C-alpha atoms as a PDB file:
ATOM      1  CA  MET A   1      -6.013 -88.386-108.993  1.00  0.00           C
ATOM      2  CA  LEU A   2      -3.072 -89.207-107.092  1.00  0.00           C
ATOM      3  CA  PHE A   3      -3.120 -92.880-108.446  1.00  0.00           C
ATOM      4  CA  GLU A   4      -3.240 -91.441-112.083  1.00  0.00           C
ATOM      5  CA  TYR A   5      -0.327 -89.053-111.275  1.00  0.00           C
ATOM      6  CA  ALA A   6       1.827 -92.004-109.934  1.00  0.00           C
ATOM      7  CA  HIS A   7       1.071 -93.987-112.969  1.00  0.00           C
ATOM      8  CA  LYS A   8       1.964 -91.270-115.345  1.00  0.00           C
ATOM      9  CA  ALA A   9       5.080 -90.739-113.568  1.00  0.00           C
ATOM     10  CA  LEU A  10       5.909 -94.534-114.050  1.00  0.00           C
ATOM     11  CA  GLU A  11       5.873 -93.998-117.805  1.00  0.00           C
ATOM     12  CA  LYS A  12       8.977 -91.928-117.420  1.00  0.00           C
ATOM     13  CA  ALA A  13      10.762 -94.574-115.351  1.00  0.00           C
ATOM     14  CA  GLU A  14      14.271 -95.751-116.597  1.00  0.00           C
ATOM     15  CA  TYR A  15      15.003 -99.436-115.914  1.00  0.00           C
ATOM     16  CA  LYS A  16      18.583-100.708-115.823  1.00  0.00           C
ATOM     17  CA  LYS A  17      19.469-104.420-115.423  1.00  0.00           C
ATOM     18  CA  LEU A  18      22.504-104.428-112.920  1.00  0.00           C
ATOM     19  CA  ASP A  19      25.504-107.011-113.075  1.00  0.00           C
ATOM     20  CA  ASP A  20      23.973-109.156-110.281  1.00  0.00           C
ATOM     21  CA  GLY A  21      20.794-109.796-112.268  1.00  0.00           C
ATOM     22  CA  THR A  22      18.559-107.519-110.356  1.00  0.00           C
ATOM     23  CA  TRP A  23      16.778-104.330-111.682  1.00  0.00           C
ATOM     24  CA  PHE A  24      17.245-100.668-110.739  1.00  0.00           C
ATOM     25  CA  ALA A  25      14.717 -97.978-111.681  1.00  0.00           C
ATOM     26  CA  GLU A  26      14.462 -94.188-111.145  1.00  0.00           C
ATOM     27  CA  ILE A  27      12.186 -91.515-112.402  1.00  0.00           C
ATOM     28  CA  SER A  28      13.751 -88.395-113.954  1.00  0.00           C
ATOM     29  CA  GLY A  29      12.784 -85.337-112.036  1.00  0.00           C
ATOM     30  CA  PHE A  30      11.796 -87.365-108.721  1.00  0.00           C
ATOM     31  CA  GLU A  31      14.876 -86.799-106.792  1.00  0.00           C
ATOM     32  CA  GLY A  32      15.465 -89.699-104.363  1.00  0.00           C
ATOM     33  CA  VAL A  33      12.711 -91.819-105.806  1.00  0.00           C
ATOM     34  CA  TRP A  34      14.273 -95.095-106.832  1.00  0.00           C
ATOM     35  CA  ALA A  35      13.645 -98.832-106.590  1.00  0.00           C
ATOM     36  CA  ASN A  36      15.521-102.244-106.856  1.00  0.00           C
ATOM     37  CA  GLY A  37      14.115-105.639-107.428  1.00  0.00           C
ATOM     38  CA  LYS A  38      14.698-109.093-108.604  1.00  0.00           C
ATOM     39  CA  THR A  39      12.544-108.685-111.598  1.00  0.00           C
ATOM     40  CA  VAL A  40      11.241-105.664-113.724  1.00  0.00           C
ATOM     41  CA  GLU A  41       7.615-106.191-112.215  1.00  0.00           C
ATOM     42  CA  GLU A  42       8.977-106.145-108.620  1.00  0.00           C
ATOM     43  CA  CYS A  43      10.999-103.088-109.219  1.00  0.00           C
ATOM     44  CA  SER A  44       8.104-101.263-110.818  1.00  0.00           C
ATOM     45  CA  THR A  45       5.935-102.307-108.017  1.00  0.00           C
ATOM     46  CA  GLU A  46       8.550-100.862-105.327  1.00  0.00           C
ATOM     47  CA  LEU A  47       8.796 -97.810-107.596  1.00  0.00           C
ATOM     48  CA  LEU A  48       5.077 -97.092-107.441  1.00  0.00           C
ATOM     49  CA  GLU A  49       5.231 -97.355-103.724  1.00  0.00           C
ATOM     50  CA  GLU A  50       7.887 -94.797-103.418  1.00  0.00           C
ATOM     51  CA  CYS A  51       6.000 -92.295-105.494  1.00  0.00           C
END
């Protein structure tokens, strides 16, 4: 159940490519939950760990 909740939250994630080529993501409504990675996939994985 928690796994499903976290994956549903990821559907609301907003990704932005930064000037240095890395990716930043956050989930609206989840204050303090954000991630940064070299690729979108890495960023998404880190974001899932933060949920």
